[in-house]
C-alpha atoms as a PDB file:
ATOM      1  CA  MET A   1    -162.619-202.408 -54.827  1.00  0.00           C
ATOM      2  CA  THR A   2    -160.917-205.761 -54.256  1.00  0.00           C
ATOM      3  CA  ASP A   3    -162.692-208.665 -52.592  1.00  0.00           C
ATOM      4  CA  ALA A   4    -162.158-208.394 -48.850  1.00  0.00           C
ATOM      5  CA  MET A   5    -160.534-211.185 -46.877  1.00  0.00           C
ATOM      6  CA  LEU A   6    -162.904-210.318 -44.021  1.00  0.00           C
ATOM      7  CA  ASP A   7    -166.049-208.243 -44.463  1.00  0.00           C
ATOM      8  CA  ILE A   8    -168.194-207.570 -41.382  1.00  0.00           C
ATOM      9  CA  ARG A   9    -171.549-206.002 -42.166  1.00  0.00           C
ATOM     10  CA  ASN A  10    -174.021-204.443 -39.720  1.00  0.00           C
ATOM     11  CA  LEU A  11    -172.938-206.709 -36.886  1.00  0.00           C
ATOM     12  CA  ASN A  12    -174.966-206.580 -33.666  1.00  0.00           C
ATOM     13  CA  LYS A  13    -174.265-208.257 -30.352  1.00  0.00           C
ATOM     14  CA  LYS A  14    -175.799-207.754 -26.909  1.00  0.00           C
ATOM     15  CA  PHE A  15    -175.087-209.307 -23.546  1.00  0.00           C
ATOM     16  CA  GLY A  16    -178.342-208.907 -21.683  1.00  0.00           C
ATOM     17  CA  GLY A  17    -179.275-205.257 -22.110  1.00  0.00           C
ATOM     18  CA  LEU A  18    -175.726-204.174 -22.921  1.00  0.00           C
ATOM     19  CA  ALA A  19    -175.031-203.536 -26.598  1.00  0.00           C
ATOM     20  CA  ILE A  20    -171.436-204.513 -27.436  1.00  0.00           C
ATOM     21  CA  PHE A  21    -171.800-203.878 -31.167  1.00  0.00           C
ATOM     22  CA  SER A  22    -174.444-201.812 -32.955  1.00  0.00           C
ATOM     23  CA  ASP A  23    -174.291-202.175 -36.743  1.00  0.00           C
ATOM     24  CA  LEU A  24    -170.525-202.648 -36.752  1.00  0.00           C
ATOM     25  CA  ASN A  25    -168.888-202.554 -40.180  1.00  0.00           C
ATOM     26  CA  LEU A  26    -165.279-203.611 -40.711  1.00  0.00           C
ATOM     27  CA  ARG A  27    -163.391-204.603 -43.834  1.00  0.00           C
ATOM     28  CA  VAL A  28    -159.916-206.154 -44.007  1.00  0.00           C
ATOM     29  CA  GLU A  29    -158.189-206.604 -47.355  1.00  0.00           C
ATOM     30  CA  PRO A  30    -155.984-209.561 -48.367  1.00  0.00           C
ATOM     31  CA  GLY A  31    -152.391-209.091 -47.249  1.00  0.00           C
ATOM     32  CA  GLU A  32    -153.308-206.392 -44.742  1.00  0.00           C
ATOM     33  CA  LEU A  33    -151.839-206.068 -41.247  1.00  0.00           C
ATOM     34  CA  ARG A  34    -154.647-204.471 -39.209  1.00  0.00           C
ATOM     35  CA  CYS A  35    -154.402-203.322 -35.597  1.00  0.00           C
ATOM     36  CA  ILE A  36    -157.516-202.949 -33.461  1.00  0.00           C
ATOM     37  CA  ILE A  37    -157.384-200.706 -30.421  1.00  0.00           C
ATOM     38  CA  GLY A  38    -159.948-199.233 -28.069  1.00  0.00           C
ATOM     39  CA  PRO A  39    -160.726-198.685 -24.404  1.00  0.00           C
ATOM     40  CA  ASN A  40    -161.504-201.595 -22.101  1.00  0.00           C
ATOM     41  CA  GLY A  41    -165.004-202.875 -22.801  1.00  0.00           C
ATOM     42  CA  ALA A  42    -164.984-201.776 -26.453  1.00  0.00           C
ATOM     43  CA  GLY A  43    -165.528-205.382 -27.583  1.00  0.00           C
ATOM     44  CA  LYS A  44    -162.126-206.246 -29.058  1.00  0.00           C
ATOM     45  CA  THR A  45    -161.921-209.810 -27.759  1.00  0.00           C
ATOM     46  CA  THR A  46    -165.668-210.253 -28.280  1.00  0.00           C
ATOM     47  CA  LEU A  47    -165.082-209.427 -31.937  1.00  0.00           C
ATOM     48  CA  PHE A  48    -162.510-212.222 -32.200  1.00  0.00           C
ATOM     49  CA  ASN A  49    -164.928-214.601 -30.460  1.00  0.00           C
ATOM     50  CA  LEU A  50    -167.617-213.735 -33.002  1.00  0.00           C
ATOM     51  CA  ILE A  51    -165.275-214.173 -35.973  1.00  0.00           C
ATOM     52  CA  THR A  52    -164.086-217.582 -34.748  1.00  0.00           C
ATOM     53  CA  GLY A  53    -167.506-218.941 -33.812  1.00  0.00           C
ATOM     54  CA  ARG A  54    -167.042-218.979 -30.034  1.00  0.00           C
ATOM     55  CA  LEU A  55    -169.952-216.525 -29.815  1.00  0.00           C
ATOM     56  CA  ARG A  56    -172.986-215.995 -32.053  1.00  0.00           C
ATOM     57  CA  SER A  57    -173.984-212.576 -33.310  1.00  0.00           C
ATOM     58  CA  ASP A  58    -177.542-211.352 -32.845  1.00  0.00           C
ATOM     59  CA  SER A  59    -177.694-210.125 -36.433  1.00  0.00           C
ATOM     60  CA  GLY A  60    -175.474-209.024 -39.284  1.00  0.00           C
ATOM     61  CA  GLU A  61    -172.892-210.834 -41.391  1.00  0.00           C
ATOM     62  CA  ILE A  62    -169.295-211.921 -40.978  1.00  0.00           C
ATOM     63  CA  ARG A  63    -167.991-212.836 -44.417  1.00  0.00           C
ATOM     64  CA  PHE A  64    -164.661-214.595 -44.827  1.00  0.00           C
ATOM     65  CA  GLU A  65    -163.531-214.756 -48.450  1.00  0.00           C
ATOM     66  CA  ASP A  66    -167.126-213.873 -49.406  1.00  0.00           C
ATOM     67  CA  ARG A  67    -168.625-216.719 -47.354  1.00  0.00           C
ATOM     68  CA  ASP A  68    -170.912-215.956 -44.401  1.00  0.00           C
ATOM     69  CA  ILE A  69    -169.470-217.746 -41.369  1.00  0.00           C
ATOM     70  CA  CYS A  70    -171.814-216.415 -38.663  1.00  0.00           C
ATOM     71  CA  ARG A  71    -173.480-219.774 -37.995  1.00  0.00           C
ATOM     72  CA  LYS A  72    -170.478-222.036 -38.490  1.00  0.00           C
ATOM     73  CA  SER A  73    -168.766-223.896 -35.664  1.00  0.00           C
ATOM     74  CA  VAL A  74    -165.301-223.136 -34.311  1.00  0.00           C
ATOM     75  CA  HIS A  75    -163.990-226.260 -36.030  1.00  0.00           C
ATOM     76  CA  GLU A  76    -165.534-225.362 -39.390  1.00  0.00           C
ATOM     77  CA  ILE A  77    -164.150-221.820 -39.248  1.00  0.00           C
ATOM     78  CA  THR A  78    -160.677-223.102 -38.401  1.00  0.00           C
ATOM     79  CA  ARG A  79    -160.783-225.479 -41.354  1.00  0.00           C
ATOM     80  CA  LEU A  80    -161.795-222.625 -43.656  1.00  0.00           C
ATOM     81  CA  GLY A  81    -158.486-220.932 -42.850  1.00  0.00           C
ATOM     82  CA  ILE A  82    -158.814-218.672 -39.789  1.00  0.00           C
ATOM     83  CA  GLY A  83    -156.206-219.172 -37.066  1.00  0.00           C
ATOM     84  CA  ARG A  84    -156.207-217.533 -33.656  1.00  0.00           C
ATOM     85  CA  LYS A  85    -153.656-216.911 -30.953  1.00  0.00           C
ATOM     86  CA  PHE A  86    -155.106-216.128 -27.533  1.00  0.00           C
ATOM     87  CA  GLN A  87    -153.628-213.570 -25.167  1.00  0.00           C
ATOM     88  CA  ALA A  88    -152.011-216.004 -22.724  1.00  0.00           C
ATOM     89  CA  PRO A  89    -149.538-218.458 -24.256  1.00  0.00           C
ATOM     90  CA  ALA A  90    -150.790-222.056 -24.081  1.00  0.00           C
ATOM     91  CA  VAL A  91    -147.906-224.352 -24.932  1.00  0.00           C
ATOM     92  CA  PHE A  92    -147.013-227.807 -23.615  1.00  0.00           C
ATOM     93  CA  GLU A  93    -144.245-226.785 -21.241  1.00  0.00           C
ATOM     94  CA  GLU A  94    -142.980-230.333 -20.617  1.00  0.00           C
ATOM     95  CA  MET A  95    -142.493-230.931 -24.331  1.00  0.00           C
ATOM     96  CA  THR A  96    -139.749-229.559 -26.549  1.00  0.00           C
ATOM     97  CA  VAL A  97    -140.296-226.602 -28.830  1.00  0.00           C
ATOM     98  CA  TRP A  98    -140.119-228.965 -31.802  1.00  0.00           C
ATOM     99  CA  ASP A  99    -142.660-231.431 -30.381  1.00  0.00           C
ATOM    100  CA  ASN A 100    -145.074-228.574 -29.628  1.00  0.00           C
ATOM    101  CA  LEU A 101    -145.096-227.786 -33.330  1.00  0.00           C
ATOM    102  CA  ILE A 102    -145.439-231.404 -34.398  1.00  0.00           C
ATOM    103  CA  VAL A 103    -148.348-232.018 -32.026  1.00  0.00           C
ATOM    104  CA  ALA A 104    -150.071-228.913 -33.430  1.00  0.00           C
ATOM    105  CA  GLY A 105    -149.560-230.175 -36.964  1.00  0.00           C
ATOM    106  CA  THR A 106    -150.635-233.740 -36.191  1.00  0.00           C
ATOM    107  CA  GLY A 107    -153.716-232.903 -34.149  1.00  0.00           C
ATOM    108  CA  HIS A 108    -154.197-233.636 -30.468  1.00  0.00           C
ATOM    109  CA  ARG A 109    -156.291-236.755 -31.065  1.00  0.00           C
ATOM    110  CA  ALA A 110    -153.464-238.245 -33.158  1.00  0.00           C
ATOM    111  CA  ALA A 111    -150.609-237.003 -30.981  1.00  0.00           C
ATOM    112  CA  PHE A 112    -149.764-240.546 -29.880  1.00  0.00           C
ATOM    113  CA  ARG A 113    -148.467-241.120 -33.432  1.00  0.00           C
ATOM    114  CA  LEU A 114    -145.494-238.912 -32.596  1.00  0.00           C
ATOM    115  CA  PHE A 115    -143.833-241.891 -30.987  1.00  0.00           C
ATOM    116  CA  THR A 116    -145.272-244.722 -33.086  1.00  0.00           C
ATOM    117  CA  THR A 117    -145.011-243.610 -36.725  1.00  0.00           C
ATOM    118  CA  ARG A 118    -142.559-241.940 -39.020  1.00  0.00           C
ATOM    119  CA  LEU A 119    -142.792-238.138 -39.116  1.00  0.00           C
ATOM    120  CA  ASP A 120    -144.497-236.817 -42.220  1.00  0.00           C
ATOM    121  CA  SER A 121    -141.870-235.069 -44.347  1.00  0.00           C
ATOM    122  CA  SER A 122    -144.123-232.185 -45.366  1.00  0.00           C
ATOM    123  CA  LEU A 123    -145.025-231.489 -41.726  1.00  0.00           C
ATOM    124  CA  ALA A 124    -141.354-231.573 -40.766  1.00  0.00           C
ATOM    125  CA  ALA A 125    -140.513-229.129 -43.557  1.00  0.00           C
ATOM    126  CA  ARG A 126    -143.286-226.761 -42.441  1.00  0.00           C
ATOM    127  CA  ALA A 127    -142.119-226.980 -38.844  1.00  0.00           C
ATOM    128  CA  GLU A 128    -138.561-226.137 -39.873  1.00  0.00           C
ATOM    129  CA  ARG A 129    -139.743-223.057 -41.757  1.00  0.00           C
ATOM    130  CA  VAL A 130    -141.900-221.951 -38.837  1.00  0.00           C
ATOM    131  CA  LEU A 131    -139.054-222.404 -36.341  1.00  0.00           C
ATOM    132  CA  GLU A 132    -136.858-220.140 -38.409  1.00  0.00           C
ATOM    133  CA  SER A 133    -139.558-217.520 -38.945  1.00  0.00           C
ATOM    134  CA  VAL A 134    -140.289-217.214 -35.200  1.00  0.00           C
ATOM    135  CA  ARG A 135    -136.577-217.173 -34.341  1.00  0.00           C
ATOM    136  CA  LEU A 136    -136.564-220.361 -32.284  1.00  0.00           C
ATOM    137  CA  SER A 137    -134.388-222.670 -34.377  1.00  0.00           C
ATOM    138  CA  ALA A 138    -131.667-222.635 -31.733  1.00  0.00           C
ATOM    139  CA  ARG A 139    -134.192-223.661 -29.059  1.00  0.00           C
ATOM    140  CA  ARG A 140    -135.815-226.524 -30.978  1.00  0.00           C
ATOM    141  CA  ASN A 141    -134.706-229.241 -28.509  1.00  0.00           C
ATOM    142  CA  ASP A 142    -135.336-227.187 -25.357  1.00  0.00           C
ATOM    143  CA  LEU A 143    -138.405-227.678 -23.226  1.00  0.00           C
ATOM    144  CA  ALA A 144    -141.035-225.042 -23.987  1.00  0.00           C
ATOM    145  CA  GLY A 145    -141.227-224.320 -20.265  1.00  0.00           C
ATOM    146  CA  SER A 146    -137.642-223.058 -20.340  1.00  0.00           C
ATOM    147  CA  LEU A 147    -138.475-220.308 -22.849  1.00  0.00           C
ATOM    148  CA  SER A 148    -138.904-216.711 -21.785  1.00  0.00           C
ATOM    149  CA  HIS A 149    -142.444-215.335 -21.747  1.00  0.00           C
ATOM    150  CA  GLY A 150    -141.837-213.573 -25.046  1.00  0.00           C
ATOM    151  CA  GLN A 151    -140.431-216.703 -26.676  1.00  0.00           C
ATOM    152  CA  LYS A 152    -143.491-218.686 -25.577  1.00  0.00           C
ATOM    153  CA  GLN A 153    -145.607-216.086 -27.362  1.00  0.00           C
ATOM    154  CA  TRP A 154    -143.452-216.542 -30.479  1.00  0.00           C
ATOM    155  CA  LEU A 155    -143.841-220.322 -30.260  1.00  0.00           C
ATOM    156  CA  GLU A 156    -147.597-219.973 -30.103  1.00  0.00           C
ATOM    157  CA  ILE A 157    -147.542-217.690 -33.148  1.00  0.00           C
ATOM    158  CA  GLY A 158    -145.571-220.459 -34.848  1.00  0.00           C
ATOM    159  CA  ILE A 159    -148.141-223.058 -33.781  1.00  0.00           C
ATOM    160  CA  VAL A 160    -150.919-220.952 -35.326  1.00  0.00           C
ATOM    161  CA  MET A 161    -148.905-220.500 -38.527  1.00  0.00           C
ATOM    162  CA  LEU A 162    -148.006-224.185 -38.888  1.00  0.00           C
ATOM    163  CA  ASN A 163    -151.242-225.067 -40.665  1.00  0.00           C
ATOM    164  CA  ASP A 164    -150.933-222.060 -42.995  1.00  0.00           C
ATOM    165  CA  PRO A 165    -154.128-220.106 -42.164  1.00  0.00           C
ATOM    166  CA  ARG A 166    -155.126-217.375 -44.587  1.00  0.00           C
ATOM    167  CA  LEU A 167    -156.305-215.055 -41.811  1.00  0.00           C
ATOM    168  CA  VAL A 168    -154.635-214.893 -38.392  1.00  0.00           C
ATOM    169  CA  LEU A 169    -156.080-213.229 -35.284  1.00  0.00           C
ATOM    170  CA  LEU A 170    -153.569-212.241 -32.601  1.00  0.00           C
ATOM    171  CA  ASP A 171    -154.954-211.161 -29.226  1.00  0.00           C
ATOM    172  CA  GLU A 172    -152.435-208.921 -27.429  1.00  0.00           C
ATOM    173  CA  PRO A 173    -149.319-210.785 -28.605  1.00  0.00           C
ATOM    174  CA  THR A 174    -147.000-208.593 -26.502  1.00  0.00           C
ATOM    175  CA  ALA A 175    -148.882-208.918 -23.190  1.00  0.00           C
ATOM    176  CA  GLY A 176    -146.385-209.365 -20.361  1.00  0.00           C
ATOM    177  CA  MET A 177    -143.336-208.769 -22.522  1.00  0.00           C
ATOM    178  CA  THR A 178    -140.318-206.641 -21.741  1.00  0.00           C
ATOM    179  CA  VAL A 179    -139.667-203.518 -23.818  1.00  0.00           C
ATOM    180  CA  SER A 180    -136.983-205.289 -25.847  1.00  0.00           C
ATOM    181  CA  GLU A 181    -139.192-208.360 -26.433  1.00  0.00           C
ATOM    182  CA  THR A 182    -142.028-206.088 -27.574  1.00  0.00           C
ATOM    183  CA  ALA A 183    -139.808-204.383 -30.141  1.00  0.00           C
ATOM    184  CA  GLU A 184    -138.464-207.712 -31.383  1.00  0.00           C
ATOM    185  CA  THR A 185    -141.992-209.125 -31.601  1.00  0.00           C
ATOM    186  CA  ALA A 186    -143.107-206.216 -33.776  1.00  0.00           C
ATOM    187  CA  ASP A 187    -140.217-206.925 -36.153  1.00  0.00           C
ATOM    188  CA  LEU A 188    -140.999-210.651 -36.113  1.00  0.00           C
ATOM    189  CA  ILE A 189    -144.676-210.080 -36.921  1.00  0.00           C
ATOM    190  CA  GLN A 190    -143.814-207.743 -39.778  1.00  0.00           C
ATOM    191  CA  GLN A 191    -141.586-210.460 -41.214  1.00  0.00           C
ATOM    192  CA  VAL A 192    -143.929-213.423 -40.641  1.00  0.00           C
ATOM    193  CA  PHE A 193    -146.983-211.585 -41.997  1.00  0.00           C
ATOM    194  CA  LYS A 194    -145.252-209.745 -44.820  1.00  0.00           C
ATOM    195  CA  ASP A 195    -147.448-211.494 -47.406  1.00  0.00           C
ATOM    196  CA  ARG A 196    -150.277-212.630 -45.129  1.00  0.00           C
ATOM    197  CA  THR A 197    -153.417-211.195 -43.569  1.00  0.00           C
ATOM    198  CA  ALA A 198    -153.539-210.602 -39.823  1.00  0.00           C
ATOM    199  CA  ILE A 199    -155.689-208.703 -37.331  1.00  0.00           C
ATOM    200  CA  ILE A 200    -154.010-207.764 -34.068  1.00  0.00           C
ATOM    201  CA  ILE A 201    -155.619-206.572 -30.831  1.00  0.00           C
ATOM    202  CA  GLU A 202    -153.117-204.552 -28.846  1.00  0.00           C
ATOM    203  CA  HIS A 203    -152.895-202.035 -26.007  1.00  0.00           C
ATOM    204  CA  ASP A 204    -149.217-201.168 -26.343  1.00  0.00           C
ATOM    205  CA  ILE A 205    -149.169-198.017 -28.464  1.00  0.00           C
ATOM    206  CA  SER A 206    -145.434-198.189 -29.138  1.00  0.00           C
ATOM    207  CA  PHE A 207    -145.990-201.666 -30.603  1.00  0.00           C
ATOM    208  CA  VAL A 208    -148.872-200.460 -32.783  1.00  0.00           C
ATOM    209  CA  ARG A 209    -146.749-197.584 -34.050  1.00  0.00           C
ATOM    210  CA  ARG A 210    -143.886-199.932 -34.905  1.00  0.00           C
ATOM    211  CA  LEU A 211    -146.117-202.281 -36.933  1.00  0.00           C
ATOM    212  CA  LYS A 212    -147.010-199.472 -39.378  1.00  0.00           C
ATOM    213  CA  GLY A 213    -150.329-201.081 -40.302  1.00  0.00           C
ATOM    214  CA  ARG A 214    -153.807-199.655 -40.647  1.00  0.00           C
ATOM    215  CA  VAL A 215    -155.482-199.019 -37.285  1.00  0.00           C
ATOM    216  CA  THR A 216    -159.146-199.381 -36.330  1.00  0.00           C
ATOM    217  CA  VAL A 217    -160.401-197.745 -33.126  1.00  0.00           C
ATOM    218  CA  LEU A 218    -163.453-199.394 -31.536  1.00  0.00           C
ATOM    219  CA  ASN A 219    -165.649-197.422 -29.148  1.00  0.00           C
ATOM    220  CA  ARG A 220    -169.302-197.390 -28.090  1.00  0.00           C
ATOM    221  CA  GLY A 221    -170.359-200.323 -30.228  1.00  0.00           C
ATOM    222  CA  GLY A 222    -168.784-199.334 -33.510  1.00  0.00           C
ATOM    223  CA  VAL A 223    -165.771-198.091 -35.422  1.00  0.00           C
ATOM    224  CA  MET A 224    -164.749-194.688 -34.110  1.00  0.00           C
ATOM    225  CA  LYS A 225    -161.975-194.101 -36.623  1.00  0.00           C
ATOM    226  CA  GLU A 226    -159.727-195.903 -39.099  1.00  0.00           C
ATOM    227  CA  GLY A 227    -156.472-194.841 -40.677  1.00  0.00           C
ATOM    228  CA  SER A 228    -152.719-194.900 -40.337  1.00  0.00           C
ATOM    229  CA  PHE A 229    -151.191-194.690 -36.876  1.00  0.00           C
ATOM    230  CA  GLU A 230    -150.316-191.057 -37.537  1.00  0.00           C
ATOM    231  CA  GLU A 231    -153.913-190.238 -38.477  1.00  0.00           C
ATOM    232  CA  ILE A 232    -155.252-192.051 -35.412  1.00  0.00           C
ATOM    233  CA  ALA A 233    -152.749-190.441 -33.056  1.00  0.00           C
ATOM    234  CA  ALA A 234    -153.550-186.942 -34.358  1.00  0.00           C
ATOM    235  CA  ASP A 235    -157.302-187.259 -33.795  1.00  0.00           C
ATOM    236  CA  PRO A 236    -158.330-185.323 -30.635  1.00  0.00           C
ATOM    237  CA  ALA A 237    -161.382-187.515 -30.016  1.00  0.00           C
ATOM    238  CA  VAL A 238    -159.298-190.695 -30.149  1.00  0.00           C
ATOM    239  CA  ARG A 239    -156.725-189.186 -27.839  1.00  0.00           C
ATOM    240  CA  LYS A 240    -159.449-188.290 -25.387  1.00  0.00           C
ATOM    241  CA  VAL A 241    -161.053-191.756 -25.185  1.00  0.00           C
ATOM    242  CA  TYR A 242    -157.971-193.903 -25.527  1.00  0.00           C
ATOM    243  CA  LEU A 243    -154.527-192.628 -26.398  1.00  0.00           C
ATOM    244  CA  GLY A 244    -154.221-189.841 -23.843  1.00  0.00           C
ATOM    245  CA  GLU A 245    -150.680-188.587 -23.458  1.00  0.00           C
ATOM    246  CA  GLU A 246    -149.016-191.877 -24.428  1.00  0.00           C
ATOM    247  CA  VAL A 247    -148.562-190.907 -28.073  1.00  0.00           C
END
């Protein structure tokens, strides 16, 4: 068995008397595109908060590249190579698409340097590559506020990717998108993460199907089932608790 990019072992988390996770085990391999689904309240976003240090587990391990990160800060975990995109896009709408990327690459505390120093050539080269990968090259000089909702989501994916994280967490990247934007986003993610590792929380079953990655179903504090989309969709128990007649 190869070394996992992310290896969660016997993870437990309670809020008051409510158990969110009870001995949760989850393993994600390098280069894998993993989708996580489950009914509301299954702990999907809580899982991301635990991985990124925004919440502390009660017990268990979260190992990133064989290093336990359970007691590390958000900043330390980010520096180790885990990037996260939240559900709602959070871009600087009064800045251009290009400047959004440069601010992300420079760091907010040093953002004033945008207008006082020469742009670092390596950062500019990374930003150019990211713009192309998220299909926003033609919008580089437009204000981010003028983008469609879907394009703002793509820009934020680009912002996460700018610093080249080894593991990316995407929380409902198609939330609020049109049907056509959702389909295009699935294609974009497949391209951007072709050789990278990503975990995606998603409710849109058509999007999950289109990604063609391995799927993990969370329910009642643990992993209910894992497998291909076809295996998940064919499971009567999964259909009963989550998929229903949508598949």
